Amino acid sequence: MDTSKLLNEEVITDRLQTLNVAWAAIGNDYLVRTYQTKDFDAGVALIKDIAKLANEANHHPDISLSYNRLEVKLSTHDIAGITDKDFALAAKIDQLAQS
C-alpha cells in the first residue's frame, strides 16, 4: 500500500468510520481532533507521548494546547493532504490517549 497517496474526500469519509467519532476531516487537507485533558500538565504529558509516536512514524502532527484542550491536526505535509499515514497515526494517538 502506498501510504503517501493523497486520499479523496469519499475515501476519507469512509475511513473516518474506523476512527473515534471525535475525529473530523477538514476537506482532504487535515484530520483534526480535540482531546480534553485533566489540566495543563496532563496536556503537556500527552504532547510528549504523541511526539514519541510521531517520531517513530516519522510523521509529525500540528499540535496546540490551551490549558486542558489539546488539538491535533494531521496532514501529510509533503503532498498537502490526508493520506493513510494520517489515519494510522490518528489511531495510534487514540490508543495512547485512552491509556
PDB file of N, CA and C in Angstrom:
ATOM      1  N   MET A   1       0.838  -1.180   0.000  1.00  0.00           N
ATOM      2  CA  MET A   1       0.000   0.000   0.000  1.00  0.00           C
ATOM      3  C   MET A   1       0.882   1.242   0.000  1.00  0.00           C
ATOM      4  N   ASP A   2       0.559   2.173  -0.879  1.00  0.00           N
ATOM      5  CA  ASP A   2       1.289   3.441  -0.936  1.00  0.00           C
ATOM      6  C   ASP A   2       0.689   4.378   0.097  1.00  0.00           C
ATOM      7  N   THR A   3       1.377   4.554   1.223  1.00  0.00           N
ATOM      8  CA  THR A   3       0.837   5.355   2.318  1.00  0.00           C
ATOM      9  C   THR A   3       0.960   6.849   2.075  1.00  0.00           C
ATOM     10  N   SER A   4       1.634   7.247   1.012  1.00  0.00           N
ATOM     11  CA  SER A   4       1.807   8.678   0.748  1.00  0.00           C
ATOM     12  C   SER A   4       0.887   9.179  -0.364  1.00  0.00           C
ATOM     13  N   LYS A   5      -0.081   8.368  -0.760  1.00  0.00           N
ATOM     14  CA  LYS A   5      -1.015   8.770  -1.811  1.00  0.00           C
ATOM     15  C   LYS A   5      -2.137   9.618  -1.206  1.00  0.00           C
ATOM     16  N   LEU A   6      -2.392  10.782  -1.784  1.00  0.00           N
ATOM     17  CA  LEU A   6      -3.457  11.673  -1.334  1.00  0.00           C
ATOM     18  C   LEU A   6      -4.806  10.972  -1.470  1.00  0.00           C
ATOM     19  N   LEU A   7      -5.592  10.998  -0.410  1.00  0.00           N
ATOM     20  CA  LEU A   7      -6.910  10.367  -0.426  1.00  0.00           C
ATOM     21  C   LEU A   7      -7.968  11.392  -0.822  1.00  0.00           C
ATOM     22  N   ASN A   8      -8.973  10.930  -1.568  1.00  0.00           N
ATOM     23  CA  ASN A   8     -10.059  11.840  -1.929  1.00  0.00           C
ATOM     24  C   ASN A   8     -11.088  11.889  -0.799  1.00  0.00           C
ATOM     25  N   GLU A   9     -11.988  12.858  -0.854  1.00  0.00           N
ATOM     26  CA  GLU A   9     -12.927  13.086   0.240  1.00  0.00           C
ATOM     27  C   GLU A   9     -13.853  11.900   0.482  1.00  0.00           C
ATOM     28  N   GLU A  10     -14.225  11.169  -0.554  1.00  0.00           N
ATOM     29  CA  GLU A  10     -15.090   9.995  -0.385  1.00  0.00           C
ATOM     30  C   GLU A  10     -14.374   8.919   0.433  1.00  0.00           C
ATOM     31  N   VAL A  11     -13.131   8.651   0.104  1.00  0.00           N
ATOM     32  CA  VAL A  11     -12.342   7.657   0.840  1.00  0.00           C
ATOM     33  C   VAL A  11     -12.132   8.124   2.281  1.00  0.00           C
ATOM     34  N   ILE A  12     -11.848   9.408   2.453  1.00  0.00           N
ATOM     35  CA  ILE A  12     -11.648   9.960   3.791  1.00  0.00           C
ATOM     36  C   ILE A  12     -12.902   9.773   4.638  1.00  0.00           C
ATOM     37  N   THR A  13     -14.065  10.072   4.074  1.00  0.00           N
ATOM     38  CA  THR A  13     -15.327   9.908   4.795  1.00  0.00           C
ATOM     39  C   THR A  13     -15.514   8.458   5.223  1.00  0.00           C
ATOM     40  N   ASP A  14     -15.229   7.518   4.335  1.00  0.00           N
ATOM     41  CA  ASP A  14     -15.327   6.098   4.677  1.00  0.00           C
ATOM     42  C   ASP A  14     -14.333   5.719   5.773  1.00  0.00           C
ATOM     43  N   ARG A  15     -13.101   6.184   5.642  1.00  0.00           N
ATOM     44  CA  ARG A  15     -12.052   5.837   6.608  1.00  0.00           C
ATOM     45  C   ARG A  15     -12.292   6.457   7.981  1.00  0.00           C
ATOM     46  N   LEU A  16     -12.978   7.591   8.037  1.00  0.00           N
ATOM     47  CA  LEU A  16     -13.292   8.209   9.334  1.00  0.00           C
ATOM     48  C   LEU A  16     -14.120   7.262  10.206  1.00  0.00           C
ATOM     49  N   GLN A  17     -14.860   6.365   9.572  1.00  0.00           N
ATOM     50  CA  GLN A  17     -15.673   5.403  10.326  1.00  0.00           C
ATOM     51  C   GLN A  17     -14.814   4.445  11.139  1.00  0.00           C
ATOM     52  N   THR A  18     -13.538   4.329  10.794  1.00  0.00           N
ATOM     53  CA  THR A  18     -12.638   3.417  11.509  1.00  0.00           C
ATOM     54  C   THR A  18     -11.994   4.079  12.721  1.00  0.00           C
ATOM     55  N   LEU A  19     -12.173   5.390  12.865  1.00  0.00           N
ATOM     56  CA  LEU A  19     -11.578   6.136  13.971  1.00  0.00           C
ATOM     57  C   LEU A  19     -12.645   6.514  14.995  1.00  0.00           C
ATOM     58  N   ASN A  20     -12.200   7.021  16.126  1.00  0.00           N
ATOM     59  CA  ASN A  20     -13.094   7.578  17.121  1.00  0.00           C
ATOM     60  C   ASN A  20     -13.918   8.673  16.459  1.00  0.00           C
ATOM     61  N   VAL A  21     -15.182   8.772  16.837  1.00  0.00           N
ATOM     62  CA  VAL A  21     -16.076   9.745  16.196  1.00  0.00           C
ATOM     63  C   VAL A  21     -15.659  11.192  16.435  1.00  0.00           C
ATOM     64  N   ALA A  22     -14.754  11.424  17.369  1.00  0.00           N
ATOM     65  CA  ALA A  22     -14.294  12.789  17.633  1.00  0.00           C
ATOM     66  C   ALA A  22     -13.379  13.319  16.531  1.00  0.00           C
ATOM     67  N   TRP A  23     -12.842  12.448  15.679  1.00  0.00           N
ATOM     68  CA  TRP A  23     -12.012  12.900  14.553  1.00  0.00           C
ATOM     69  C   TRP A  23     -12.905  13.466  13.461  1.00  0.00           C
ATOM     70  N   ALA A  24     -12.447  14.515  12.829  1.00  0.00           N
ATOM     71  CA  ALA A  24     -13.159  15.106  11.696  1.00  0.00           C
ATOM     72  C   ALA A  24     -12.147  15.415  10.604  1.00  0.00           C
ATOM     73  N   ALA A  25     -12.644  15.547   9.407  1.00  0.00           N
ATOM     74  CA  ALA A  25     -11.798  15.935   8.282  1.00  0.00           C
ATOM     75  C   ALA A  25     -12.135  17.360   7.884  1.00  0.00           C
ATOM     76  N   ILE A  26     -11.100  18.117   7.605  1.00  0.00           N
ATOM     77  CA  ILE A  26     -11.269  19.444   7.020  1.00  0.00           C
ATOM     78  C   ILE A  26     -10.931  19.265   5.540  1.00  0.00           C
ATOM     79  N   GLY A  27     -11.981  19.066   4.746  1.00  0.00           N
ATOM     80  CA  GLY A  27     -11.785  18.741   3.332  1.00  0.00           C
ATOM     81  C   GLY A  27     -10.927  17.503   3.221  1.00  0.00           C
ATOM     82  N   ASN A  28      -9.961  17.547   2.313  1.00  0.00           N
ATOM     83  CA  ASN A  28      -8.971  16.465   2.276  1.00  0.00           C
ATOM     84  C   ASN A  28      -7.610  17.018   2.684  1.00  0.00           C
ATOM     85  N   ASP A  29      -7.654  18.097   3.497  1.00  0.00           N
ATOM     86  CA  ASP A  29      -6.423  18.744   3.944  1.00  0.00           C
ATOM     87  C   ASP A  29      -5.917  18.230   5.285  1.00  0.00           C
ATOM     88  N   TYR A  30      -6.811  18.069   6.269  1.00  0.00           N
ATOM     89  CA  TYR A  30      -6.414  17.703   7.628  1.00  0.00           C
ATOM     90  C   TYR A  30      -7.413  16.762   8.275  1.00  0.00           C
ATOM     91  N   LEU A  31      -6.915  15.883   9.128  1.00  0.00           N
ATOM     92  CA  LEU A  31      -7.729  15.226  10.130  1.00  0.00           C
ATOM     93  C   LEU A  31      -7.514  16.027  11.407  1.00  0.00           C
ATOM     94  N   VAL A  32      -8.566  16.235  12.176  1.00  0.00           N
ATOM     95  CA  VAL A  32      -8.442  17.040  13.391  1.00  0.00           C
ATOM     96  C   VAL A  32      -9.264  16.425  14.522  1.00  0.00           C
ATOM     97  N   ARG A  33      -8.702  16.507  15.715  1.00  0.00           N
ATOM     98  CA  ARG A  33      -9.405  16.061  16.913  1.00  0.00           C
ATOM     99  C   ARG A  33      -8.924  16.896  18.087  1.00  0.00           C
ATOM    100  N   THR A  34      -9.854  17.191  19.000  1.00  0.00           N
ATOM    101  CA  THR A  34      -9.517  17.882  20.235  1.00  0.00           C
ATOM    102  C   THR A  34      -9.686  16.908  21.392  1.00  0.00           C
ATOM    103  N   TYR A  35      -8.663  16.820  22.217  1.00  0.00           N
ATOM    104  CA  TYR A  35      -8.695  15.992  23.420  1.00  0.00           C
ATOM    105  C   TYR A  35      -8.852  16.892  24.629  1.00  0.00           C
ATOM    106  N   GLN A  36      -9.687  16.477  25.552  1.00  0.00           N
ATOM    107  CA  GLN A  36      -9.843  17.178  26.824  1.00  0.00           C
ATOM    108  C   GLN A  36      -8.924  16.467  27.826  1.00  0.00           C
ATOM    109  N   THR A  37      -8.045  17.214  28.470  1.00  0.00           N
ATOM    110  CA  THR A  37      -7.157  16.627  29.470  1.00  0.00           C
ATOM    111  C   THR A  37      -7.547  17.162  30.850  1.00  0.00           C
ATOM    112  N   LYS A  38      -7.017  16.512  31.879  1.00  0.00           N
ATOM    113  CA  LYS A  38      -7.336  16.903  33.251  1.00  0.00           C
ATOM    114  C   LYS A  38      -6.928  18.346  33.534  1.00  0.00           C
ATOM    115  N   ASP A  39      -5.748  18.715  33.061  1.00  0.00           N
ATOM    116  CA  ASP A  39      -5.222  20.060  33.288  1.00  0.00           C
ATOM    117  C   ASP A  39      -4.083  20.306  32.312  1.00  0.00           C
ATOM    118  N   PHE A  40      -3.423  21.429  32.435  1.00  0.00           N
ATOM    119  CA  PHE A  40      -2.343  21.802  31.533  1.00  0.00           C
ATOM    120  C   PHE A  40      -1.203  20.785  31.558  1.00  0.00           C
ATOM    121  N   ASP A  41      -0.792  20.354  32.751  1.00  0.00           N
ATOM    122  CA  ASP A  41       0.308  19.387  32.857  1.00  0.00           C
ATOM    123  C   ASP A  41      -0.016  18.068  32.160  1.00  0.00           C
ATOM    124  N   ALA A  42      -1.259  17.627  32.268  1.00  0.00           N
ATOM    125  CA  ALA A  42      -1.668  16.403  31.578  1.00  0.00           C
ATOM    126  C   ALA A  42      -1.619  16.601  30.063  1.00  0.00           C
ATOM    127  N   GLY A  43      -1.971  17.794  29.605  1.00  0.00           N
ATOM    128  CA  GLY A  43      -1.877  18.097  28.178  1.00  0.00           C
ATOM    129  C   GLY A  43      -0.445  18.068  27.692  1.00  0.00           C
ATOM    130  N   VAL A  44       0.465  18.629  28.472  1.00  0.00           N
ATOM    131  CA  VAL A  44       1.891  18.620  28.112  1.00  0.00           C
ATOM    132  C   VAL A  44       2.412  17.186  28.076  1.00  0.00           C
ATOM    133  N   ALA A  45       2.000  16.370  29.042  1.00  0.00           N
ATOM    134  CA  ALA A  45       2.428  14.967  29.063  1.00  0.00           C
ATOM    135  C   ALA A  45       1.926  14.229  27.824  1.00  0.00           C
ATOM    136  N   LEU A  46       0.681  14.493  27.429  1.00  0.00           N
ATOM    137  CA  LEU A  46       0.137  13.857  26.230  1.00  0.00           C
ATOM    138  C   LEU A  46       0.897  14.311  24.987  1.00  0.00           C
ATOM    139  N   ILE A  47       1.251  15.581  24.922  1.00  0.00           N
ATOM    140  CA  ILE A  47       2.051  16.064  23.789  1.00  0.00           C
ATOM    141  C   ILE A  47       3.371  15.303  23.707  1.00  0.00           C
ATOM    142  N   LYS A  48       4.020  15.106  24.826  1.00  0.00           N
ATOM    143  CA  LYS A  48       5.298  14.376  24.832  1.00  0.00           C
ATOM    144  C   LYS A  48       5.111  12.946  24.329  1.00  0.00           C
ATOM    145  N   ASP A  49       4.023  12.302  24.751  1.00  0.00           N
ATOM    146  CA  ASP A  49       3.755  10.937  24.292  1.00  0.00           C
ATOM    147  C   ASP A  49       3.436  10.904  22.803  1.00  0.00           C
ATOM    148  N   ILE A  50       2.665  11.880  22.328  1.00  0.00           N
ATOM    149  CA  ILE A  50       2.355  11.969  20.894  1.00  0.00           C
ATOM    150  C   ILE A  50       3.630  12.219  20.105  1.00  0.00           C
ATOM    151  N   ALA A  51       4.504  13.062  20.631  1.00  0.00           N
ATOM    152  CA  ALA A  51       5.765  13.358  19.942  1.00  0.00           C
ATOM    153  C   ALA A  51       6.596  12.091  19.756  1.00  0.00           C
ATOM    154  N   LYS A  52       6.601  11.231  20.760  1.00  0.00           N
ATOM    155  CA  LYS A  52       7.345   9.972  20.638  1.00  0.00           C
ATOM    156  C   LYS A  52       6.761   9.109  19.509  1.00  0.00           C
ATOM    157  N   LEU A  53       5.436   8.977  19.491  1.00  0.00           N
ATOM    158  CA  LEU A  53       4.788   8.220  18.403  1.00  0.00           C
ATOM    159  C   LEU A  53       5.089   8.835  17.043  1.00  0.00           C
ATOM    160  N   ALA A  54       4.999  10.149  16.970  1.00  0.00           N
ATOM    161  CA  ALA A  54       5.213  10.854  15.707  1.00  0.00           C
ATOM    162  C   ALA A  54       6.639  10.648  15.209  1.00  0.00           C
ATOM    163  N   ASN A  55       7.600  10.717  16.100  1.00  0.00           N
ATOM    164  CA  ASN A  55       8.987  10.496  15.693  1.00  0.00           C
ATOM    165  C   ASN A  55       9.208   9.070  15.216  1.00  0.00           C
ATOM    166  N   GLU A  56       8.592   8.100  15.901  1.00  0.00           N
ATOM    167  CA  GLU A  56       8.707   6.697  15.474  1.00  0.00           C
ATOM    168  C   GLU A  56       8.122   6.499  14.081  1.00  0.00           C
ATOM    169  N   ALA A  57       7.031   7.202  13.793  1.00  0.00           N
ATOM    170  CA  ALA A  57       6.362   7.084  12.490  1.00  0.00           C
ATOM    171  C   ALA A  57       6.962   8.018  11.445  1.00  0.00           C
ATOM    172  N   ASN A  58       7.869   8.906  11.875  1.00  0.00           N
ATOM    173  CA  ASN A  58       8.411   9.945  11.005  1.00  0.00           C
ATOM    174  C   ASN A  58       7.272  10.710  10.315  1.00  0.00           C
ATOM    175  N   HIS A  59       6.303  11.069  11.138  1.00  0.00           N
ATOM    176  CA  HIS A  59       5.097  11.756  10.649  1.00  0.00           C
ATOM    177  C   HIS A  59       4.630  12.679  11.767  1.00  0.00           C
ATOM    178  N   HIS A  60       4.692  13.969  11.558  1.00  0.00           N
ATOM    179  CA  HIS A  60       4.564  14.922  12.652  1.00  0.00           C
ATOM    180  C   HIS A  60       3.318  15.793  12.531  1.00  0.00           C
ATOM    181  N   PRO A  61       2.430  15.704  13.541  1.00  0.00           N
ATOM    182  CA  PRO A  61       1.193  16.491  13.521  1.00  0.00           C
ATOM    183  C   PRO A  61       1.426  17.928  13.964  1.00  0.00           C
ATOM    184  N   ASP A  62       0.444  18.759  13.683  1.00  0.00           N
ATOM    185  CA  ASP A  62       0.382  20.101  14.258  1.00  0.00           C
ATOM    186  C   ASP A  62      -0.396  19.956  15.560  1.00  0.00           C
ATOM    187  N   ILE A  63       0.146  20.488  16.644  1.00  0.00           N
ATOM    188  CA  ILE A  63      -0.463  20.340  17.957  1.00  0.00           C
ATOM    189  C   ILE A  63      -0.565  21.711  18.617  1.00  0.00           C
ATOM    190  N   SER A  64      -1.720  21.967  19.241  1.00  0.00           N
ATOM    191  CA  SER A  64      -1.850  23.188  20.038  1.00  0.00           C
ATOM    192  C   SER A  64      -2.525  22.829  21.360  1.00  0.00           C
ATOM    193  N   LEU A  65      -2.085  23.512  22.416  1.00  0.00           N
ATOM    194  CA  LEU A  65      -2.600  23.265  23.752  1.00  0.00           C
ATOM    195  C   LEU A  65      -3.076  24.573  24.361  1.00  0.00           C
ATOM    196  N   SER A  66      -4.297  24.560  24.843  1.00  0.00           N
ATOM    197  CA  SER A  66      -4.850  25.697  25.561  1.00  0.00           C
ATOM    198  C   SER A  66      -5.434  25.160  26.864  1.00  0.00           C
ATOM    199  N   TYR A  67      -4.703  25.334  27.926  1.00  0.00           N
ATOM    200  CA  TYR A  67      -4.977  24.797  29.259  1.00  0.00           C
ATOM    201  C   TYR A  67      -5.258  23.298  29.200  1.00  0.00           C
ATOM    202  N   ASN A  68      -6.510  22.870  29.091  1.00  0.00           N
ATOM    203  CA  ASN A  68      -6.808  21.428  29.103  1.00  0.00           C
ATOM    204  C   ASN A  68      -7.423  20.952  27.789  1.00  0.00           C
ATOM    205  N   ARG A  69      -7.227  21.719  26.737  1.00  0.00           N
ATOM    206  CA  ARG A  69      -7.727  21.332  25.408  1.00  0.00           C
ATOM    207  C   ARG A  69      -6.545  21.201  24.457  1.00  0.00           C
ATOM    208  N   LEU A  70      -6.354  19.990  23.969  1.00  0.00           N
ATOM    209  CA  LEU A  70      -5.231  19.688  23.091  1.00  0.00           C
ATOM    210  C   LEU A  70      -5.780  19.358  21.710  1.00  0.00           C
ATOM    211  N   GLU A  71      -5.435  20.179  20.724  1.00  0.00           N
ATOM    212  CA  GLU A  71      -5.885  19.937  19.353  1.00  0.00           C
ATOM    213  C   GLU A  71      -4.756  19.315  18.545  1.00  0.00           C
ATOM    214  N   VAL A  72      -5.098  18.236  17.845  1.00  0.00           N
ATOM    215  CA  VAL A  72      -4.149  17.537  16.980  1.00  0.00           C
ATOM    216  C   VAL A  72      -4.664  17.622  15.557  1.00  0.00           C
ATOM    217  N   LYS A  73      -3.822  18.104  14.658  1.00  0.00           N
ATOM    218  CA  LYS A  73      -4.148  18.162  13.229  1.00  0.00           C
ATOM    219  C   LYS A  73      -3.118  17.318  12.484  1.00  0.00           C
ATOM    220  N   LEU A  74      -3.621  16.404  11.676  1.00  0.00           N
ATOM    221  CA  LEU A  74      -2.760  15.521  10.897  1.00  0.00           C
ATOM    222  C   LEU A  74      -2.916  15.792   9.412  1.00  0.00           C
ATOM    223  N   SER A  75      -1.793  15.890   8.744  1.00  0.00           N
ATOM    224  CA  SER A  75      -1.752  16.064   7.297  1.00  0.00           C
ATOM    225  C   SER A  75      -0.385  15.597   6.831  1.00  0.00           C
ATOM    226  N   THR A  76      -0.339  15.033   5.665  1.00  0.00           N
ATOM    227  CA  THR A  76       0.948  14.667   5.087  1.00  0.00           C
ATOM    228  C   THR A  76       1.449  15.909   4.350  1.00  0.00           C
ATOM    229  N   HIS A  77       2.328  16.647   5.013  1.00  0.00           N
ATOM    230  CA  HIS A  77       2.720  17.973   4.551  1.00  0.00           C
ATOM    231  C   HIS A  77       3.381  17.970   3.171  1.00  0.00           C
ATOM    232  N   ASP A  78       4.158  16.937   2.855  1.00  0.00           N
ATOM    233  CA  ASP A  78       4.865  16.963   1.569  1.00  0.00           C
ATOM    234  C   ASP A  78       3.939  16.799   0.369  1.00  0.00           C
ATOM    235  N   ILE A  79       2.702  16.325   0.583  1.00  0.00           N
ATOM    236  CA  ILE A  79       1.742  16.296  -0.527  1.00  0.00           C
ATOM    237  C   ILE A  79       0.484  17.106  -0.210  1.00  0.00           C
ATOM    238  N   ALA A  80       0.512  17.826   0.909  1.00  0.00           N
ATOM    239  CA  ALA A  80      -0.542  18.769   1.286  1.00  0.00           C
ATOM    240  C   ALA A  80      -1.930  18.147   1.362  1.00  0.00           C
ATOM    241  N   GLY A  81      -2.029  17.070   2.135  1.00  0.00           N
ATOM    242  CA  GLY A  81      -3.341  16.476   2.312  1.00  0.00           C
ATOM    243  C   GLY A  81      -3.307  15.224   3.157  1.00  0.00           C
ATOM    244  N   ILE A  82      -4.453  14.574   3.233  1.00  0.00           N
ATOM    245  CA  ILE A  82      -4.641  13.397   4.067  1.00  0.00           C
ATOM    246  C   ILE A  82      -4.256  12.139   3.299  1.00  0.00           C
ATOM    247  N   THR A  83      -3.453  11.291   3.970  1.00  0.00           N
ATOM    248  CA  THR A  83      -3.040  10.006   3.414  1.00  0.00           C
ATOM    249  C   THR A  83      -3.283   8.916   4.454  1.00  0.00           C
ATOM    250  N   ASP A  84      -2.961   7.687   4.084  1.00  0.00           N
ATOM    251  CA  ASP A  84      -3.057   6.562   5.017  1.00  0.00           C
ATOM    252  C   ASP A  84      -2.189   6.792   6.248  1.00  0.00           C
ATOM    253  N   LYS A  85      -1.072   7.495   6.085  1.00  0.00           N
ATOM    254  CA  LYS A  85      -0.185   7.778   7.220  1.00  0.00           C
ATOM    255  C   LYS A  85      -0.921   8.559   8.301  1.00  0.00           C
ATOM    256  N   ASP A  86      -1.793   9.454   7.907  1.00  0.00           N
ATOM    257  CA  ASP A  86      -2.548  10.254   8.869  1.00  0.00           C
ATOM    258  C   ASP A  86      -3.537   9.393   9.646  1.00  0.00           C
ATOM    259  N   PHE A  87      -4.221   8.506   8.958  1.00  0.00           N
ATOM    260  CA  PHE A  87      -5.157   7.613   9.640  1.00  0.00           C
ATOM    261  C   PHE A  87      -4.428   6.666  10.588  1.00  0.00           C
ATOM    262  N   ALA A  88      -3.284   6.168  10.173  1.00  0.00           N
ATOM    263  CA  ALA A  88      -2.520   5.262  11.031  1.00  0.00           C
ATOM    264  C   ALA A  88      -2.073   5.969  12.306  1.00  0.00           C
ATOM    265  N   LEU A  89      -1.568   7.186  12.177  1.00  0.00           N
ATOM    266  CA  LEU A  89      -1.114   7.916  13.361  1.00  0.00           C
ATOM    267  C   LEU A  89      -2.304   8.335  14.225  1.00  0.00           C
ATOM    268  N   ALA A  90      -3.419   8.694  13.629  1.00  0.00           N
ATOM    269  CA  ALA A  90      -4.615   9.053  14.407  1.00  0.00           C
ATOM    270  C   ALA A  90      -5.047   7.888  15.293  1.00  0.00           C
ATOM    271  N   ALA A  91      -5.058   6.683  14.743  1.00  0.00           N
ATOM    272  CA  ALA A  91      -5.450   5.509  15.523  1.00  0.00           C
ATOM    273  C   ALA A  91      -4.479   5.269  16.679  1.00  0.00           C
ATOM    274  N   LYS A  92      -3.195   5.444  16.438  1.00  0.00           N
ATOM    275  CA  LYS A  92      -2.204   5.265  17.497  1.00  0.00           C
ATOM    276  C   LYS A  92      -2.340   6.326  18.590  1.00  0.00           C
ATOM    277  N   ILE A  93      -2.636   7.552  18.187  1.00  0.00           N
ATOM    278  CA  ILE A  93      -2.817   8.628  19.165  1.00  0.00           C
ATOM    279  C   ILE A  93      -4.045   8.332  20.022  1.00  0.00           C
ATOM    280  N   ASP A  94      -5.118   7.839  19.413  1.00  0.00           N
ATOM    281  CA  ASP A  94      -6.310   7.481  20.179  1.00  0.00           C
ATOM    282  C   ASP A  94      -5.997   6.399  21.216  1.00  0.00           C
ATOM    283  N   GLN A  95      -5.254   5.375  20.801  1.00  0.00           N
ATOM    284  CA  GLN A  95      -4.875   4.311  21.743  1.00  0.00           C
ATOM    285  C   GLN A  95      -4.093   4.895  22.901  1.00  0.00           C
ATOM    286  N   LEU A  96      -3.167   5.766  22.591  1.00  0.00           N
ATOM    287  CA  LEU A  96      -2.327   6.409  23.595  1.00  0.00           C
ATOM    288  C   LEU A  96      -3.173   7.243  24.562  1.00  0.00           C
ATOM    289  N   ALA A  97      -4.102   8.017  24.039  1.00  0.00           N
ATOM    290  CA  ALA A  97      -4.910   8.912  24.850  1.00  0.00           C
ATOM    291  C   ALA A  97      -5.863   8.144  25.767  1.00  0.00           C
ATOM    292  N   GLN A  98      -6.215   6.917  25.385  1.00  0.00           N
ATOM    293  CA  GLN A  98      -7.114   6.105  26.209  1.00  0.00           C
ATOM    294  C   GLN A  98      -6.398   5.431  27.375  1.00  0.00           C
ATOM    295  N   SER A  99      -5.082   5.305  27.266  1.00  0.00           N
ATOM    296  CA  SER A  99      -4.361   4.579  28.322  1.00  0.00           C
ATOM    297  C   SER A  99      -4.013   5.466  29.491  1.00  0.00           C
TER     298      SER A  99
END
